[in-house]
């Protein structure tokens, strides 16, 4: 069951990349912290993530997916993500995203050549 939630959680990164644009993705993801954080607490909590996820097109993620995301990045165990934890999480996940982008690019190029 955990793998199902893990894959759903990872699937949102390409969606975020699409919403934010590929260029400067990591910088934008770090900036995305302010969109997702609880303004009073200055960190991303489960509630702030859930309430603001639609801003990044992530409204389809389940509560389990959101909790997986928090748990994955929460290094100090406080149940929330500070900006550093959020950015580190995005950096850690970005190779998967870049790999997928590379694969999609190669696939698109192959289709182009087949049509020539």
C-alpha atoms as a PDB file:
ATOM      1  CA  UNK A   1       0.000   0.000   0.000  1.00  0.00           C
ATOM      2  CA  UNK A   2       2.842   2.396   0.778  1.00  0.00           C
ATOM      3  CA  UNK A   3       4.171   2.167  -2.758  1.00  0.00           C
ATOM      4  CA  UNK A   4       0.807   3.296  -4.117  1.00  0.00           C
ATOM      5  CA  UNK A   5       0.953   6.462  -2.033  1.00  0.00           C
ATOM      6  CA  UNK A   6       4.610   6.983  -2.855  1.00  0.00           C
ATOM      7  CA  UNK A   7       3.974   6.836  -6.586  1.00  0.00           C
ATOM      8  CA  UNK A   8       0.998   9.191  -6.333  1.00  0.00           C
ATOM      9  CA  UNK A   9       3.148  11.598  -4.367  1.00  0.00           C
ATOM     10  CA  UNK A  10       5.973  11.509  -6.915  1.00  0.00           C
ATOM     11  CA  UNK A  11       3.550  11.928  -9.811  1.00  0.00           C
ATOM     12  CA  UNK A  12       2.781  15.471  -8.719  1.00  0.00           C
ATOM     13  CA  UNK A  13       6.295  16.759  -9.491  1.00  0.00           C
ATOM     14  CA  UNK A  14       5.902  16.711 -13.286  1.00  0.00           C
ATOM     15  CA  UNK A  15       2.553  18.450 -12.778  1.00  0.00           C
ATOM     16  CA  UNK A  16       4.242  21.146 -10.693  1.00  0.00           C
ATOM     17  CA  UNK A  17       6.946  21.487 -13.343  1.00  0.00           C
ATOM     18  CA  UNK A  18       4.258  21.970 -15.960  1.00  0.00           C
ATOM     19  CA  UNK A  19       2.487  24.605 -13.874  1.00  0.00           C
ATOM     20  CA  UNK A  20       5.689  26.462 -12.987  1.00  0.00           C
ATOM     21  CA  UNK A  21       7.574  25.971 -16.249  1.00  0.00           C
ATOM     22  CA  UNK A  22      10.765  23.978 -16.597  1.00  0.00           C
ATOM     23  CA  UNK A  23      13.196  26.900 -16.445  1.00  0.00           C
ATOM     24  CA  UNK A  24      14.326  27.689 -12.945  1.00  0.00           C
ATOM     25  CA  UNK A  25      12.110  24.920 -11.607  1.00  0.00           C
ATOM     26  CA  UNK A  26      14.019  24.472  -8.364  1.00  0.00           C
ATOM     27  CA  UNK A  27      14.014  28.205  -7.646  1.00  0.00           C
ATOM     28  CA  UNK A  28      10.313  28.308  -8.379  1.00  0.00           C
ATOM     29  CA  UNK A  29       9.691  25.305  -6.146  1.00  0.00           C
ATOM     30  CA  UNK A  30      11.530  27.045  -3.331  1.00  0.00           C
ATOM     31  CA  UNK A  31       9.400  30.115  -3.992  1.00  0.00           C
ATOM     32  CA  UNK A  32       6.387  27.800  -3.965  1.00  0.00           C
ATOM     33  CA  UNK A  33       7.064  27.385  -0.271  1.00  0.00           C
ATOM     34  CA  UNK A  34       5.433  30.739   0.448  1.00  0.00           C
ATOM     35  CA  UNK A  35       2.317  29.675  -1.465  1.00  0.00           C
ATOM     36  CA  UNK A  36       1.970  26.502   0.592  1.00  0.00           C
ATOM     37  CA  UNK A  37       3.004  27.671   4.036  1.00  0.00           C
ATOM     38  CA  UNK A  38       0.802  28.542   6.993  1.00  0.00           C
ATOM     39  CA  UNK A  39       1.251  32.328   7.187  1.00  0.00           C
ATOM     40  CA  UNK A  40       0.915  32.380  10.997  1.00  0.00           C
ATOM     41  CA  UNK A  41       3.395  29.571  11.656  1.00  0.00           C
ATOM     42  CA  UNK A  42       5.850  30.203   8.786  1.00  0.00           C
ATOM     43  CA  UNK A  43       6.005  26.498   7.886  1.00  0.00           C
ATOM     44  CA  UNK A  44       4.080  24.126   5.643  1.00  0.00           C
ATOM     45  CA  UNK A  45       1.647  22.139   7.761  1.00  0.00           C
ATOM     46  CA  UNK A  46      -0.693  19.412   6.618  1.00  0.00           C
ATOM     47  CA  UNK A  47      -3.609  21.866   6.703  1.00  0.00           C
ATOM     48  CA  UNK A  48      -1.779  24.598   4.802  1.00  0.00           C
ATOM     49  CA  UNK A  49      -0.630  22.056   2.218  1.00  0.00           C
ATOM     50  CA  UNK A  50      -4.157  20.714   1.828  1.00  0.00           C
ATOM     51  CA  UNK A  51      -5.750  24.174   1.688  1.00  0.00           C
ATOM     52  CA  UNK A  52      -3.271  25.622  -0.806  1.00  0.00           C
ATOM     53  CA  UNK A  53      -2.502  22.591  -2.978  1.00  0.00           C
ATOM     54  CA  UNK A  54      -5.042  23.718  -5.598  1.00  0.00           C
ATOM     55  CA  UNK A  55      -2.817  26.759  -6.301  1.00  0.00           C
ATOM     56  CA  UNK A  56      -0.311  24.348  -7.843  1.00  0.00           C
ATOM     57  CA  UNK A  57      -2.918  22.083  -9.435  1.00  0.00           C
ATOM     58  CA  UNK A  58      -2.471  19.413  -6.769  1.00  0.00           C
ATOM     59  CA  UNK A  59      -6.047  19.275  -5.516  1.00  0.00           C
ATOM     60  CA  UNK A  60      -6.353  15.633  -6.637  1.00  0.00           C
ATOM     61  CA  UNK A  61      -3.736  14.386  -4.167  1.00  0.00           C
ATOM     62  CA  UNK A  62      -5.195  12.325  -1.340  1.00  0.00           C
ATOM     63  CA  UNK A  63      -4.596  13.113   2.320  1.00  0.00           C
ATOM     64  CA  UNK A  64      -2.219  10.138   2.383  1.00  0.00           C
ATOM     65  CA  UNK A  65      -0.230  11.603  -0.516  1.00  0.00           C
ATOM     66  CA  UNK A  66       0.018  14.941   1.281  1.00  0.00           C
ATOM     67  CA  UNK A  67       1.069  13.232   4.526  1.00  0.00           C
ATOM     68  CA  UNK A  68       3.695  11.236   2.582  1.00  0.00           C
ATOM     69  CA  UNK A  69       5.059  14.474   1.183  1.00  0.00           C
ATOM     70  CA  UNK A  70       5.301  16.022   4.647  1.00  0.00           C
ATOM     71  CA  UNK A  71       6.863  12.906   6.148  1.00  0.00           C
ATOM     72  CA  UNK A  72       9.373  12.615   3.289  1.00  0.00           C
ATOM     73  CA  UNK A  73      10.751  16.111   3.837  1.00  0.00           C
ATOM     74  CA  UNK A  74      10.350  16.524   7.603  1.00  0.00           C
ATOM     75  CA  UNK A  75      13.947  16.068   8.785  1.00  0.00           C
ATOM     76  CA  UNK A  76      13.538  17.515  12.265  1.00  0.00           C
ATOM     77  CA  UNK A  77      10.366  15.532  13.016  1.00  0.00           C
ATOM     78  CA  UNK A  78       8.175  18.501  13.926  1.00  0.00           C
ATOM     79  CA  UNK A  79       5.400  17.412  11.547  1.00  0.00           C
ATOM     80  CA  UNK A  80       5.834  20.443   9.275  1.00  0.00           C
ATOM     81  CA  UNK A  81       8.217  21.635   6.566  1.00  0.00           C
ATOM     82  CA  UNK A  82      10.289  24.748   7.017  1.00  0.00           C
ATOM     83  CA  UNK A  83      11.659  26.433   3.896  1.00  0.00           C
ATOM     84  CA  UNK A  84      14.980  24.604   4.037  1.00  0.00           C
ATOM     85  CA  UNK A  85      13.278  21.200   4.402  1.00  0.00           C
ATOM     86  CA  UNK A  86      10.909  21.997   1.537  1.00  0.00           C
ATOM     87  CA  UNK A  87      13.738  23.088  -0.778  1.00  0.00           C
ATOM     88  CA  UNK A  88      15.879  20.077   0.145  1.00  0.00           C
ATOM     89  CA  UNK A  89      12.904  17.817  -0.572  1.00  0.00           C
ATOM     90  CA  UNK A  90      12.457  19.440  -3.985  1.00  0.00           C
ATOM     91  CA  UNK A  91      16.192  19.081  -4.735  1.00  0.00           C
ATOM     92  CA  UNK A  92      16.120  15.416  -3.696  1.00  0.00           C
ATOM     93  CA  UNK A  93      13.154  14.686  -5.923  1.00  0.00           C
ATOM     94  CA  UNK A  94      14.319  16.765  -8.867  1.00  0.00           C
ATOM     95  CA  UNK A  95      16.588  14.068 -10.428  1.00  0.00           C
ATOM     96  CA  UNK A  96      13.502  11.867 -10.835  1.00  0.00           C
ATOM     97  CA  UNK A  97      11.725  14.776 -12.444  1.00  0.00           C
ATOM     98  CA  UNK A  98      14.632  15.619 -14.735  1.00  0.00           C
ATOM     99  CA  UNK A  99      14.983  11.971 -15.719  1.00  0.00           C
ATOM    100  CA  UNK A 100      11.315  11.841 -16.640  1.00  0.00           C
ATOM    101  CA  UNK A 101      11.583  15.079 -18.616  1.00  0.00           C
ATOM    102  CA  UNK A 102      14.568  13.662 -20.499  1.00  0.00           C
ATOM    103  CA  UNK A 103      12.606  10.498 -21.277  1.00  0.00           C
ATOM    104  CA  UNK A 104       9.616  12.504 -22.516  1.00  0.00           C
ATOM    105  CA  UNK A 105      11.879  14.672 -24.663  1.00  0.00           C
ATOM    106  CA  UNK A 106      13.538  11.616 -26.221  1.00  0.00           C
ATOM    107  CA  UNK A 107      10.134  10.060 -26.848  1.00  0.00           C
ATOM    108  CA  UNK A 108       8.887  13.263 -28.513  1.00  0.00           C
ATOM    109  CA  UNK A 109      11.988  13.419 -30.718  1.00  0.00           C
ATOM    110  CA  UNK A 110      11.537   9.794 -31.767  1.00  0.00           C
ATOM    111  CA  UNK A 111       7.951  10.569 -32.786  1.00  0.00           C
ATOM    112  CA  UNK A 112       9.192  13.562 -34.792  1.00  0.00           C
ATOM    113  CA  UNK A 113      11.713  11.455 -36.689  1.00  0.00           C
ATOM    114  CA  UNK A 114       9.141   8.761 -37.430  1.00  0.00           C
ATOM    115  CA  UNK A 115       6.893  11.365 -39.041  1.00  0.00           C
ATOM    116  CA  UNK A 116       9.680  12.719 -41.325  1.00  0.00           C
END
